[in-house]
Protein backbone atom coordinates (compact mmCIF):
# COMPACT_ATOMS: atom_id res chain seq x y z
CA MET A 1 69.54 97.68 174.71
CA TYR A 2 71.24 94.41 173.83
CA ARG A 3 74.66 94.75 172.21
CA LEU A 4 76.73 92.19 170.33
CA PRO A 5 79.70 90.79 172.26
CA PRO A 6 83.03 92.34 171.08
CA LYS A 7 84.21 89.05 169.56
CA ARG A 8 81.09 88.66 167.43
CA MET A 9 81.20 92.30 166.41
CA LEU A 10 84.82 91.85 165.29
CA LYS A 11 83.86 88.79 163.24
CA LYS A 12 80.99 90.59 161.55
CA THR A 13 83.25 93.53 160.74
CA ALA A 14 85.85 91.21 159.19
CA LYS A 15 83.19 89.50 157.08
CA ALA A 16 81.87 92.85 155.89
CA LEU A 17 85.36 93.97 154.87
CA VAL A 18 85.92 90.75 152.91
CA ASP A 19 82.60 91.22 151.11
CA ALA A 20 83.47 94.84 150.35
CA ALA A 21 86.78 93.74 148.83
CA ILE A 22 85.02 91.13 146.68
CA ALA A 23 82.51 93.75 145.46
CA ALA A 24 85.33 96.16 144.59
CA VAL A 25 87.40 93.57 142.73
CA SER A 26 84.28 92.35 140.88
CA LEU A 27 83.52 95.83 139.55
CA VAL A 28 87.11 96.40 138.39
CA LEU A 29 87.15 93.03 136.62
CA ALA A 30 83.75 93.77 135.05
CA PHE A 31 85.14 96.99 133.49
CA GLU A 32 88.25 95.17 132.29
CA LEU A 33 86.24 92.36 130.70
CA ARG A 34 83.72 94.71 129.12
CA PHE A 35 86.37 96.91 127.47
CA ALA A 36 88.98 94.14 126.88
CA GLY A 37 91.54 95.88 129.05
CA ASN A 38 91.24 99.26 127.21
CA LEU A 39 89.29 101.23 129.83
CA PRO A 40 88.08 104.60 128.42
CA PHE A 41 89.56 107.63 130.15
CA PRO A 42 86.26 108.98 131.66
CA PHE A 43 85.59 105.62 133.32
CA ALA A 44 89.19 105.32 134.49
CA LEU A 45 88.91 108.75 136.10
CA ASP A 46 85.70 107.89 137.98
CA LEU A 47 86.58 104.27 138.75
CA PRO A 48 87.93 104.75 142.35
CA LEU A 49 84.77 106.59 143.42
CA LEU A 50 82.50 104.08 141.66
CA VAL A 51 84.31 101.15 143.26
CA ALA A 52 83.90 102.66 146.73
CA LEU A 53 80.20 103.38 146.23
CA VAL A 54 79.38 99.98 144.75
CA ALA A 55 81.40 98.09 147.39
CA ALA A 56 79.66 99.96 150.21
CA GLY A 57 76.21 99.45 148.67
CA GLN A 58 76.72 95.77 147.94
CA THR A 59 78.05 95.10 151.44
CA GLY A 60 75.17 97.01 153.02
CA VAL A 61 72.51 95.06 151.12
CA THR A 62 74.21 91.75 151.91
CA PHE A 63 74.23 92.69 155.59
CA LEU A 64 70.54 93.66 155.55
CA VAL A 65 69.42 90.34 154.08
CA GLY A 66 71.43 88.39 156.66
CA GLY A 67 74.51 87.57 154.66
CA HIS A 68 76.80 88.05 157.65
CA SER A 69 75.10 85.65 160.04
CA ARG A 70 75.35 81.88 159.70
CA ILE A 71 76.02 81.93 155.96
CA TRP A 72 79.74 81.81 156.65
CA GLN A 73 79.36 78.45 158.38
CA TYR A 74 76.60 76.81 156.37
CA THR A 75 76.33 76.77 152.58
CA SER A 76 72.92 75.25 152.04
CA MET A 77 70.52 76.21 149.26
CA HIS A 78 68.74 78.60 151.63
CA GLU A 79 71.90 80.57 152.33
CA ALA A 80 72.81 80.60 148.62
CA LEU A 81 69.37 82.04 147.91
CA VAL A 82 69.92 84.77 150.50
CA LEU A 83 73.17 85.73 148.76
CA ALA A 84 71.46 85.72 145.35
CA ILE A 85 68.66 87.96 146.65
CA GLY A 86 71.13 90.39 148.17
CA THR A 87 73.27 90.56 145.04
CA GLY A 88 70.23 90.84 142.78
CA ALA A 89 68.71 93.63 144.84
CA SER A 90 71.91 95.65 144.77
CA MET A 91 72.27 95.12 140.99
CA VAL A 92 68.69 96.30 140.38
CA ALA A 93 69.33 99.39 142.46
CA LEU A 94 72.55 100.14 140.57
CA CYS A 95 70.84 99.66 137.21
CA LEU A 96 68.11 102.11 138.21
CA LEU A 97 70.66 104.67 139.36
CA SER A 98 72.55 104.22 136.09
CA ALA A 99 69.37 104.61 134.03
CA LEU A 100 68.53 107.80 135.93
CA GLY A 101 71.99 109.19 135.24
CA VAL A 102 73.08 109.22 138.88
CA LEU A 103 75.86 106.70 138.20
CA HIS A 104 77.74 106.49 134.91
CA ILE A 105 78.17 102.74 134.61
CA PRO A 106 77.11 100.78 131.50
CA ILE A 107 74.37 98.22 132.13
CA SER A 108 76.55 95.52 130.57
CA VAL A 109 79.25 96.23 133.17
CA LEU A 110 76.70 95.95 135.97
CA LEU A 111 75.45 92.59 134.70
CA ILE A 112 78.99 91.22 134.54
CA ASP A 113 79.68 92.71 137.96
CA GLY A 114 76.60 91.02 139.43
CA ALA A 115 77.66 87.61 138.19
CA LEU A 116 81.25 88.02 139.37
CA CYS A 117 80.17 89.40 142.74
CA LEU A 118 77.75 86.53 143.41
CA LEU A 119 80.42 84.02 142.39
CA GLY A 120 82.97 85.68 144.66
CA LEU A 121 80.65 85.95 147.68
CA ALA A 122 79.58 82.32 147.38
CA GLY A 123 83.13 81.17 146.67
CA VAL A 124 84.69 82.73 149.74
CA ARG A 125 82.03 81.12 151.91
CA VAL A 126 82.62 77.70 150.33
CA VAL A 127 86.33 78.12 150.96
CA ARG A 128 85.62 79.05 154.58
CA ARG A 129 83.35 76.04 154.91
CA MET A 130 86.05 73.74 153.52
CA GLN A 131 88.56 75.21 155.93
CA VAL A 132 86.22 74.61 158.90
CA THR A 133 85.60 71.04 157.73
CA PHE A 134 89.32 70.37 157.41
CA VAL A 135 90.05 71.71 160.89
CA LYS A 136 87.27 69.68 162.46
CA LYS A 137 88.36 66.50 160.73
CA ARG A 138 91.89 66.95 161.99
CA SER A 139 90.57 67.50 165.51
CA GLY A 140 88.49 64.33 165.36
CA VAL A 141 85.08 66.00 165.26
CA THR A 142 82.80 64.05 162.93
CA ASP A 143 79.56 66.06 163.39
CA LEU A 144 80.27 69.11 161.28
CA SER A 145 76.94 70.92 161.67
CA ARG A 146 76.74 73.67 164.27
CA VAL A 147 73.23 74.71 165.17
CA ARG A 148 72.79 78.13 166.74
CA THR A 149 70.76 77.31 169.83
CA LEU A 150 68.91 79.48 172.34
CA LEU A 151 67.99 78.09 175.78
CA VAL A 152 64.79 79.30 177.46
CA GLY A 153 64.86 79.09 181.25
CA ALA A 154 67.99 79.68 183.31
CA GLY A 155 67.15 77.42 186.22
CA ASP A 156 68.44 74.12 187.58
CA THR A 157 67.41 72.15 184.50
CA CYS A 158 69.31 74.49 182.22
CA ASN A 159 72.34 74.37 184.50
CA SER A 160 72.31 70.55 184.44
CA LEU A 161 71.86 70.55 180.68
CA LEU A 162 74.84 72.86 180.18
CA ALA A 163 76.93 70.75 182.54
CA ASP A 164 76.06 67.64 180.53
CA LEU A 165 76.99 69.38 177.29
CA GLU A 166 80.34 70.43 178.75
CA SER A 167 81.12 66.86 179.74
CA ARG A 168 80.80 65.59 176.19
CA ASN A 169 83.65 65.61 173.70
CA HIS A 170 81.63 67.60 171.22
CA THR A 171 78.10 68.84 170.55
CA ASN A 172 76.38 70.29 167.53
CA TRP A 173 74.74 73.02 169.63
CA GLU A 174 76.31 76.46 169.48
CA ILE A 175 74.74 78.13 172.54
CA VAL A 176 74.07 81.80 171.73
CA GLY A 177 72.56 82.63 175.13
CA LEU A 178 69.72 82.11 177.58
CA LEU A 179 66.35 83.75 178.26
CA ASP A 180 64.70 83.98 181.66
CA ASP A 181 61.93 86.16 183.11
CA SER A 182 63.56 86.59 186.53
CA PRO A 183 64.83 90.20 186.87
CA ALA A 184 67.61 88.95 189.16
CA LYS A 185 69.05 86.83 186.35
CA GLN A 186 69.07 89.52 183.65
CA GLY A 187 72.64 90.10 182.47
CA ALA A 188 74.00 87.24 184.61
CA LYS A 189 75.88 84.23 183.29
CA LEU A 190 75.24 80.53 183.72
CA ARG A 191 78.27 78.35 183.01
CA GLY A 192 79.72 81.10 180.84
CA HIS A 193 76.53 81.75 178.84
CA SER A 194 74.76 85.12 179.22
CA VAL A 195 71.11 85.57 180.14
CA LEU A 196 70.19 87.88 177.26
CA GLY A 197 66.72 88.96 178.38
CA PRO A 198 63.15 87.86 179.23
CA THR A 199 61.01 85.40 177.28
CA THR A 200 58.77 88.25 176.13
CA GLN A 201 61.60 89.15 173.71
CA LEU A 202 61.93 85.60 172.35
CA GLU A 203 61.16 86.54 168.74
CA TRP A 204 63.57 89.49 168.77
CA PHE A 205 66.51 87.39 170.00
CA ILE A 206 65.76 84.57 167.55
CA ARG A 207 66.06 87.01 164.67
CA ARG A 208 68.91 89.03 166.18
CA GLU A 209 71.08 85.99 166.90
CA SER A 210 70.08 83.98 163.79
CA VAL A 211 68.83 81.21 166.09
CA GLU A 212 67.98 77.91 164.40
CA HIS A 213 67.03 75.80 167.42
CA VAL A 214 65.30 76.67 170.70
CA VAL A 215 65.44 74.46 173.79
CA VAL A 216 62.77 75.20 176.42
CA ALA A 217 64.36 74.06 179.69
CA MET A 218 61.34 74.68 181.93
CA PRO A 219 60.08 71.26 183.08
CA SER A 220 57.81 72.69 185.80
CA ALA A 221 55.99 75.13 183.51
CA ASP A 222 52.33 74.53 182.66
CA ARG A 223 51.62 73.05 179.26
CA PRO A 224 49.88 76.22 177.98
CA VAL A 225 53.02 78.21 178.84
CA LEU A 226 55.19 75.70 177.00
CA ARG A 227 52.81 75.68 174.06
CA ASN A 228 52.94 79.46 173.83
CA LEU A 229 56.74 79.49 173.81
CA ILE A 230 56.92 76.67 171.27
CA ASN A 231 54.43 78.32 168.91
CA ARG A 232 56.24 81.66 169.10
CA ALA A 233 59.62 80.08 168.38
CA GLN A 234 58.26 78.01 165.51
CA SER A 235 56.60 81.08 163.99
CA CYS A 236 60.12 82.53 163.64
CA GLY A 237 61.32 79.48 161.73
CA ALA A 238 63.25 77.85 164.59
CA THR A 239 63.01 74.20 165.51
CA VAL A 240 62.01 73.62 169.13
CA GLN A 241 62.74 71.04 171.78
CA ALA A 242 60.99 71.11 175.16
CA VAL A 243 62.73 69.50 178.12
CA PRO A 244 60.13 67.95 180.46
CA ALA A 245 62.91 66.48 182.60
CA LEU A 246 66.64 65.96 182.20
CA GLU A 247 66.35 62.18 182.39
CA ASP A 248 63.85 62.23 179.52
CA LEU A 249 66.31 64.25 177.42
CA LEU A 250 69.19 61.85 178.10
CA ARG A 251 66.85 59.00 177.26
CA ASN A 252 66.36 60.64 173.83
CA GLY A 253 62.76 61.43 174.65
CA LYS A 254 61.62 57.80 175.16
CA PRO A 255 58.55 57.58 177.41
CA ALA A 256 58.71 55.86 180.76
CA VAL A 257 58.27 52.11 180.55
CA GLY A 258 54.81 50.82 181.40
CA ARG A 259 52.89 54.02 180.62
CA ILE A 260 50.04 53.51 178.17
CA PRO A 261 48.47 56.86 177.23
CA VAL A 262 44.71 57.20 177.56
CA THR A 263 42.99 59.96 175.61
CA LEU A 264 39.59 61.59 175.82
CA GLU A 265 38.62 59.68 172.66
CA ASP A 266 39.29 56.44 174.54
CA LEU A 267 36.77 57.48 177.21
CA VAL A 268 34.15 58.49 174.68
CA ASP A 269 34.60 55.22 172.79
CA SER A 270 34.20 53.03 175.87
CA ALA A 271 31.10 50.83 175.79
CA GLU A 272 29.87 51.94 179.21
CA VAL A 273 29.89 55.63 178.28
CA LYS A 274 28.19 55.04 174.95
CA LYS A 275 25.49 52.93 176.53
CA THR A 276 24.65 54.94 179.64
CA LEU A 277 25.50 58.54 178.75
CA LEU A 278 26.32 59.63 175.24
CA SER A 279 23.39 57.84 173.65
CA ARG A 280 21.16 60.34 175.45
CA VAL A 281 23.42 63.39 175.12
CA LYS A 282 24.12 63.11 171.39
CA ARG A 283 20.43 63.35 170.51
CA ARG A 284 20.18 67.11 170.39
CA PRO A 285 16.82 68.90 170.68
CA ALA A 286 15.17 70.15 167.51
CA GLU A 287 15.91 73.75 168.52
CA PRO A 288 19.59 74.33 169.30
CA VAL A 289 20.56 75.34 172.83
CA ILE A 290 23.28 77.92 173.42
CA LEU A 291 24.83 77.96 176.88
CA VAL A 292 26.00 81.34 178.19
CA THR A 293 28.15 81.20 181.32
CA GLY A 294 27.99 84.47 183.24
CA GLY A 295 24.75 85.30 181.42
CA ALA A 296 23.53 87.60 184.21
CA GLY A 297 26.62 89.81 183.95
CA TYR A 298 27.37 93.21 182.45
CA ILE A 299 27.82 91.85 178.90
CA GLY A 300 26.12 88.49 179.38
CA CYS A 301 22.62 89.89 179.86
CA HIS A 302 22.90 91.68 176.48
CA VAL A 303 24.12 88.43 174.86
CA VAL A 304 21.16 86.50 176.28
CA ARG A 305 18.64 89.11 175.13
CA ARG A 306 20.01 89.15 171.57
CA LEU A 307 20.01 85.36 171.31
CA LEU A 308 16.41 85.15 172.57
CA ASP A 309 15.32 87.88 170.15
CA ARG A 310 16.74 85.80 167.29
CA GLY A 311 14.80 82.69 168.29
CA TYR A 312 17.50 80.64 170.02
CA ARG A 313 16.96 78.55 173.12
CA VAL A 314 19.32 79.92 175.76
CA ARG A 315 20.62 78.32 178.93
CA VAL A 316 22.39 80.53 181.47
CA LEU A 317 24.86 79.22 184.04
CA ASP A 318 25.55 81.90 186.65
CA ASN A 319 26.21 82.02 190.40
CA PHE A 320 24.60 85.49 190.59
CA MET A 321 27.52 86.83 192.58
CA TYR A 322 26.72 90.29 191.20
CA GLY A 323 22.95 89.92 191.56
CA SER A 324 20.19 88.99 189.13
CA ALA A 325 19.29 92.43 187.79
CA GLY A 326 20.74 91.57 184.41
CA LEU A 327 18.29 88.70 183.84
CA ASP A 328 15.24 89.85 185.78
CA PRO A 329 13.59 91.54 182.73
CA LEU A 330 13.97 88.28 180.76
CA ARG A 331 12.73 85.75 183.33
CA ASN A 332 9.40 85.17 181.59
CA ARG A 333 10.87 84.49 178.14
CA PRO A 334 9.83 80.91 177.19
CA ASN A 335 13.15 79.99 175.55
CA LEU A 336 15.23 80.93 178.59
CA GLU A 337 16.52 78.34 181.07
CA VAL A 338 18.47 79.54 184.10
CA VAL A 339 20.84 77.26 186.03
CA GLU A 340 22.16 78.71 189.27
CA GLY A 341 25.61 77.24 189.64
CA ASP A 342 29.33 77.87 189.28
CA VAL A 343 31.69 77.25 186.37
CA SER A 344 34.29 76.04 188.87
CA ASN A 345 31.92 73.23 189.94
CA ILE A 346 32.26 70.29 187.57
CA ARG A 347 28.74 68.99 188.30
CA ASP A 348 27.20 72.35 187.44
CA VAL A 349 29.27 72.51 184.27
CA THR A 350 28.39 69.03 183.01
CA ALA A 351 24.69 69.53 183.79
CA SER A 352 24.72 72.74 181.76
CA VAL A 353 26.85 71.59 178.82
CA LYS A 354 24.80 68.48 178.01
CA ASP A 355 22.85 68.87 174.73
CA ALA A 356 24.24 72.39 174.17
CA GLU A 357 25.22 73.14 170.59
CA ALA A 358 27.37 76.13 171.45
CA VAL A 359 28.91 77.64 174.57
CA ILE A 360 29.68 81.33 175.11
CA ALA A 361 32.11 81.51 178.05
CA LEU A 362 31.81 84.87 179.81
CA ALA A 363 32.04 83.86 183.48
CA ALA A 364 35.27 85.14 185.04
CA ILE A 365 36.68 87.55 187.57
CA VAL A 366 37.20 90.52 185.26
CA GLY A 367 39.71 93.34 185.61
CA ASP A 368 43.07 93.82 187.27
CA PRO A 369 41.92 95.18 190.67
CA ALA A 370 39.19 92.54 191.02
CA CYS A 371 41.69 89.76 190.34
CA GLY A 372 43.93 91.24 193.03
CA ILE A 373 41.38 90.54 195.76
CA SER A 374 42.05 86.80 195.85
CA ALA A 375 44.70 85.36 193.59
CA GLU A 376 43.65 81.81 194.51
CA GLU A 377 40.03 82.40 193.54
CA THR A 378 41.12 84.17 190.36
CA LEU A 379 43.24 81.22 189.24
CA ASN A 380 40.45 78.83 190.13
CA LEU A 381 37.71 80.70 188.26
CA ASN A 382 39.67 82.23 185.39
CA TYR A 383 41.99 79.35 184.51
CA GLU A 384 41.17 76.04 186.19
CA SER A 385 37.47 76.32 185.36
CA THR A 386 38.35 77.02 181.71
CA LYS A 387 40.08 73.64 181.52
CA VAL A 388 37.03 71.94 183.00
CA LEU A 389 34.64 73.74 180.67
CA ILE A 390 36.49 73.10 177.40
CA GLU A 391 37.06 69.44 178.25
CA ALA A 392 33.37 69.04 179.12
CA CYS A 393 32.48 70.62 175.77
CA ASN A 394 34.80 68.23 173.98
CA PHE A 395 33.44 65.22 175.86
CA TYR A 396 29.78 66.07 175.23
CA GLY A 397 30.23 66.98 171.59
CA VAL A 398 29.59 70.72 171.74
CA LEU A 399 30.07 72.18 168.26
CA ARG A 400 31.13 75.77 169.02
CA PHE A 401 33.01 77.43 171.91
CA VAL A 402 33.36 81.22 172.13
CA PHE A 403 35.71 82.49 174.81
CA ALA A 404 35.85 85.99 176.31
CA SER A 405 39.45 87.17 176.54
CA SER A 406 40.80 90.70 176.77
CA CYS A 407 43.05 93.12 174.92
CA SER A 408 44.81 93.46 178.29
CA VAL A 409 47.00 90.60 177.09
CA TYR A 410 48.95 93.16 175.01
CA GLY A 411 49.93 94.99 178.22
CA ALA A 412 52.38 97.85 178.00
CA SER A 413 53.41 98.31 174.39
CA ASP A 414 55.29 100.83 172.31
CA ASP A 415 53.52 103.45 170.23
CA VAL A 416 52.21 100.94 167.69
CA VAL A 417 48.77 99.62 166.78
CA LEU A 418 48.56 95.95 167.76
CA ASP A 419 46.75 93.21 165.89
CA GLU A 420 46.02 89.60 166.74
CA GLU A 421 49.53 88.51 165.67
CA SER A 422 51.36 91.06 167.84
CA PRO A 423 53.52 89.88 170.76
CA LEU A 424 51.74 89.51 174.10
CA ASN A 425 53.13 91.41 177.07
CA PRO A 426 50.84 90.84 180.08
CA VAL A 427 51.44 93.03 183.12
CA SER A 428 48.74 91.68 185.45
CA LEU A 429 47.37 88.43 186.85
CA TYR A 430 44.11 88.96 184.95
CA ALA A 431 45.91 89.23 181.60
CA ARG A 432 48.05 86.18 182.34
CA THR A 433 44.98 84.06 183.14
CA ARG A 434 43.47 85.13 179.81
CA ILE A 435 46.58 84.06 177.88
CA LEU A 436 46.79 80.72 179.70
CA SER A 437 43.09 80.13 179.09
CA GLU A 438 43.43 80.92 175.38
CA ASP A 439 46.26 78.41 175.12
CA VAL A 440 44.48 75.65 177.00
CA ILE A 441 41.32 76.12 174.92
CA PHE A 442 43.11 75.63 171.61
CA GLU A 443 45.15 72.79 173.08
CA ARG A 444 42.19 70.81 174.44
CA CYS A 445 39.29 71.78 172.19
CA GLY A 446 39.53 68.58 170.11
CA ASP A 447 36.62 68.60 167.64
CA VAL A 448 35.04 71.67 169.23
CA ARG A 449 35.30 74.72 166.96
CA ALA A 450 36.81 77.25 169.34
CA VAL A 451 37.18 81.00 168.85
CA VAL A 452 38.64 83.65 171.15
CA LEU A 453 37.39 87.25 171.35
CA ARG A 454 39.77 89.77 172.92
CA LEU A 455 37.57 92.58 174.20
CA SER A 456 38.54 96.22 174.20
CA THR A 457 37.79 98.19 177.37
CA VAL A 458 34.01 97.95 177.68
CA PHE A 459 31.66 100.84 178.49
CA GLY A 460 27.97 101.69 178.29
CA LEU A 461 24.61 101.17 179.95
CA SER A 462 23.54 97.70 181.07
CA PRO A 463 20.81 96.23 183.32
CA ARG A 464 23.69 94.92 185.46
CA MET A 465 25.40 98.29 185.62
CA ARG A 466 29.09 98.78 186.44
CA PHE A 467 30.72 102.03 187.48
CA ASP A 468 34.22 100.60 187.95
CA LEU A 469 35.02 100.99 184.23
CA VAL A 470 36.81 104.12 183.10
CA VAL A 471 34.17 105.64 180.79
CA ASN A 472 31.29 104.73 183.11
CA ALA A 473 33.14 106.02 186.19
CA PHE A 474 34.05 109.32 184.53
CA THR A 475 30.44 109.82 183.38
CA ALA A 476 28.93 109.09 186.80
CA ARG A 477 31.34 111.42 188.58
CA ALA A 478 30.84 114.20 186.07
CA VAL A 479 27.03 114.01 186.35
CA VAL A 480 26.82 113.56 190.13
CA GLU A 481 29.83 115.53 191.42
CA GLY A 482 30.77 117.78 188.54
CA ARG A 483 34.39 116.68 188.66
CA ILE A 484 36.63 113.94 187.26
CA ARG A 485 39.96 112.77 188.62
CA VAL A 486 42.39 111.33 186.07
CA PHE A 487 45.48 109.37 187.08
CA GLY A 488 48.07 109.84 184.36
CA GLY A 489 45.97 110.45 181.28
CA GLY A 490 48.41 109.55 178.54
CA GLN A 491 47.59 105.83 178.61
CA TRP A 492 45.98 104.52 175.42
CA ARG A 493 42.98 102.17 175.51
CA PRO A 494 40.68 100.70 172.87
CA PHE A 495 36.96 100.91 173.69
CA VAL A 496 33.80 99.00 172.78
CA HIS A 497 30.19 99.40 173.96
CA CYS A 498 28.79 96.48 175.99
CA LYS A 499 25.95 95.98 173.48
CA ASP A 500 28.42 95.87 170.59
CA ALA A 501 30.56 93.39 172.53
CA ALA A 502 27.45 91.24 172.99
CA GLU A 503 26.77 91.35 169.25
CA ALA A 504 30.33 90.14 168.57
CA PHE A 505 29.73 87.08 170.77
CA VAL A 506 26.44 86.31 169.03
CA LEU A 507 28.10 86.59 165.63
CA ALA A 508 30.97 84.32 166.65
CA ALA A 509 28.54 81.72 168.02
CA THR A 510 26.13 81.66 165.08
CA THR A 511 28.12 82.49 161.92
CA LEU A 512 29.59 79.92 159.55
CA PRO A 513 32.02 77.77 161.58
CA GLU A 514 34.70 77.94 158.90
CA LEU A 515 35.02 81.68 159.47
CA VAL A 516 35.88 81.46 163.16
CA GLN A 517 37.34 78.03 163.90
CA GLY A 518 40.69 78.38 165.64
CA GLU A 519 40.67 82.17 165.24
CA THR A 520 41.35 85.04 167.62
CA PHE A 521 39.69 88.43 167.12
CA ASN A 522 40.17 91.84 168.69
CA VAL A 523 36.70 93.25 169.41
CA GLY A 524 36.10 96.95 168.94
CA HIS A 525 36.80 99.49 166.24
CA SER A 526 40.17 100.75 165.09
CA ASP A 527 38.94 104.35 165.35
CA MET A 528 37.98 103.97 169.02
CA ASN A 529 41.50 104.03 170.47
CA CYS A 530 41.73 106.98 172.87
CA THR A 531 43.87 108.20 175.73
CA ILE A 532 42.34 108.38 179.19
CA ALA A 533 42.68 112.17 179.08
CA GLU A 534 40.72 112.31 175.82
CA VAL A 535 37.93 110.27 177.40
CA ALA A 536 37.76 112.68 180.35
CA HIS A 537 37.45 115.72 178.07
CA LEU A 538 34.84 113.95 175.94
CA VAL A 539 32.73 113.15 179.03
CA ALA A 540 33.00 116.74 180.25
CA GLU A 541 31.88 117.96 176.83
CA GLU A 542 28.85 115.66 176.73
CA VAL A 543 27.71 116.48 180.29
CA GLY A 544 27.18 120.03 179.03
CA ARG A 545 28.12 122.06 182.08
CA ASP A 546 31.34 123.04 183.81
CA VAL A 547 33.08 119.84 184.83
CA GLU A 548 36.37 120.09 186.67
CA ILE A 549 39.07 117.69 185.46
CA GLU A 550 41.89 117.03 187.93
CA PHE A 551 45.01 115.33 186.63
CA VAL A 552 47.18 113.34 189.04
CA ASP A 553 50.68 112.36 187.93
CA ALA A 554 50.76 109.04 189.81
CA VAL A 555 49.96 106.03 187.61
CA ASP A 556 49.63 102.60 189.19
CA ASP A 557 48.40 100.87 186.04
CA PRO A 558 51.22 100.40 183.45
CA ARG A 559 48.93 99.17 180.66
CA ASN A 560 49.16 101.22 177.49
CA TYR A 561 48.05 99.85 174.14
CA ARG A 562 46.12 100.53 170.93
CA VAL A 563 44.62 97.74 168.85
CA SER A 564 43.47 97.12 165.30
CA CYS A 565 40.05 95.53 164.85
CA LYS A 566 40.22 95.15 161.05
CA LYS A 567 40.21 91.35 161.23
CA ILE A 568 36.79 90.98 162.87
CA ALA A 569 35.34 93.63 160.57
CA GLY A 570 36.66 91.89 157.47
CA THR A 571 35.86 88.32 158.55
CA LEU A 572 32.54 88.67 160.37
CA GLY A 573 31.37 92.04 159.08
CA PHE A 574 31.32 93.32 162.64
CA GLN A 575 30.69 97.08 162.91
CA PRO A 576 30.03 98.74 166.30
CA GLN A 577 26.77 100.66 166.51
CA PHE A 578 27.86 102.85 169.44
CA ASP A 579 30.76 105.28 169.59
CA LEU A 580 31.99 106.94 172.77
CA HIS A 581 29.75 109.99 172.24
CA SER A 582 26.49 108.04 171.92
CA GLY A 583 27.38 105.64 174.74
CA ILE A 584 28.20 108.49 177.10
CA ARG A 585 25.00 110.38 176.19
CA GLU A 586 22.99 107.21 176.92
CA MET A 587 24.53 106.93 180.39
CA ILE A 588 24.06 110.64 181.13
CA ALA A 589 20.32 110.35 180.42
CA ALA A 590 20.04 107.25 182.62
CA LEU A 591 21.95 108.85 185.50
CA ARG A 592 19.81 111.97 185.42
CA GLY A 593 16.59 109.94 185.25
CA ASP A 594 17.35 107.23 187.82
CA ALA A 595 18.28 108.21 191.37
CA ARG A 596 19.44 104.68 192.09
CA LEU A 597 22.20 104.96 189.49
CA ARG A 598 23.39 108.23 191.00
CA ASP A 599 24.51 106.22 194.04
CA TYR A 600 27.27 104.94 191.78
CA ASN A 601 29.57 104.14 194.72
CA ASP A 602 27.19 101.46 196.02
CA VAL A 603 28.60 97.93 196.24
CA PRO A 604 26.51 96.30 193.43
CA PHE A 605 27.99 98.67 190.84
CA SER A 606 31.59 97.58 191.47
CA ASN A 607 33.12 94.15 190.88
CA VAL A 608 35.89 94.92 193.35
CA LYS A 609 33.51 95.86 196.18
CA VAL A 610 31.33 92.82 195.58
CA LEU A 611 34.35 90.54 195.69
CA ARG A 612 35.69 92.18 198.84
CA ASP A 613 32.40 91.52 200.56
CA ARG A 614 32.30 87.97 199.22
CA PHE A 615 35.79 87.12 200.46
CA ASP A 616 35.53 89.23 203.62
CA VAL A 617 38.48 91.36 202.54
CA VAL A 618 38.78 94.76 204.15
CA GLY A 619 41.25 96.88 202.16
CA ALA A 620 42.99 94.11 200.23
CA PRO A 621 46.60 94.06 201.50
CA ASN A 622 48.14 93.89 198.05
CA MET A 623 46.31 96.97 196.76
CA PRO A 624 45.83 99.48 199.61
CA ASN A 625 43.90 102.65 198.77
CA THR A 626 44.30 102.16 195.03
CA LEU A 627 40.76 101.22 194.08
CA GLY A 628 39.94 104.70 192.83
CA ARG A 629 43.00 104.82 190.63
CA HIS A 630 42.47 101.47 189.01
CA ALA A 631 38.74 101.95 188.61
CA VAL A 632 39.19 104.98 186.40
CA VAL A 633 41.79 103.51 184.08
CA ARG A 634 40.22 100.10 183.35
């Protein structure tokens, strides 16, 4: 746990003692003024105890509202308001205690005390401010403002920045510390400034250190990473400066000479594009077309079916890496168009996006173990292709873009229920690609109305069946082998049926655009958060015969999170139609009636096995003999 440096702790203690003294003197003066110097004996007898209680209470409230942070150096209207709130809150509390008979202090005395206390607290800070100003003027410092500044990134750029600051006669930055994600740098010092912790704790340190300004000294970071850090810092009320390069900073942010920026709007407005391309693309067909990437997949085939059933024209872009079983029952539907291609191929993407009114982006390498097969392919398909797809949608005037993300972005969290505003704490490559993709979508969507759906752990029966998901794997093993192996068991997961997930995508793509534009939704139900052990017992109960459950202590997957899905329910009216019981019963019936499904270990039922065959990987070196573990805790 982070602790205040001894010097800062000593300063805060001294400030608290001064405030306590002011509160004590104010109460004594209030009694004297109220009774014109003739203090009644009962009050005189109780006065020492009352002074101690009121001084302690007033000081405590002032501390809680932040009266011992930067208020001693800055006396702006904001800080004066903080003092007024603290004093007012303590006076209200004292008046209530007096009215209830807990404290024997006249209300008139408390009102006088409140006014005197506020005047004293503000006055001592003004005096301190004047003293600081006087000292700085005598020392020749003309810039009197000191901005509490936090540096993000403890690399070469930060080191050069600190060296430049040291070389100057003065600076208005008061460096409170640095943040860096490298474990080797935690607790270390760079030019006398401590690395306080990782960037995942950015909000906590901003509040803890009363940070006013954040400098992101990470010039090599991707723009989505920088955007995420900037948005998080700004959400805490801090101003932010990103450092693309040290020379740009010293140049006061002036762009390089001779660079004329060209935007996507410039391309669209060019005469050649308007004449030869957009004049044909902009004329949309009478019946809207919705493009579904990954439409032959586990969720995608349900999305396609629901859109067709509601009368939409549907175009599917899929490379059929996992086979075509998901779309085979729909091949003869007249409103279905199938494009065999890849979202990482720009020609396939542009051919599919043209004249589409909406795009539902499902194509990705899904799940932590699958992404571990080939990191290069994962980055290409899960991140780089997202940039291509959203820019193509922007260029061709697509109206709606619905992106499939994951609740995995919350990672390992404390025992709290997380909503869409909760901090992100990714612990896998898959989760990181989802976060980067979310950022790049909102950054580059332009006029496209983009929405992100973060899926809970999916389960249930699908034409393109998967048995590498925890509920599905447990059910298949219980039916076929009569036993379930659970690694850990205490990990929390939210769950959603694949058909319900499909309905969420259809809703997001077809509802009023004002409801979803720029929004992020957790998809599932708040009551469907369960531990892995609870899922195992539920499956055993539904199978209806003796099922052995073996618990193994080893846990390779650190994810542990529960989520709230109240936002999507309130905004879109989304309500899942399947709970875990009904979804498991559906799979049990299918497994008992279809011998093909009982061969659940076959390659087509596992994303990981399909990808290993595709990339000719035999026992991926970065995940030896862990497939079984990860498959049952997805």
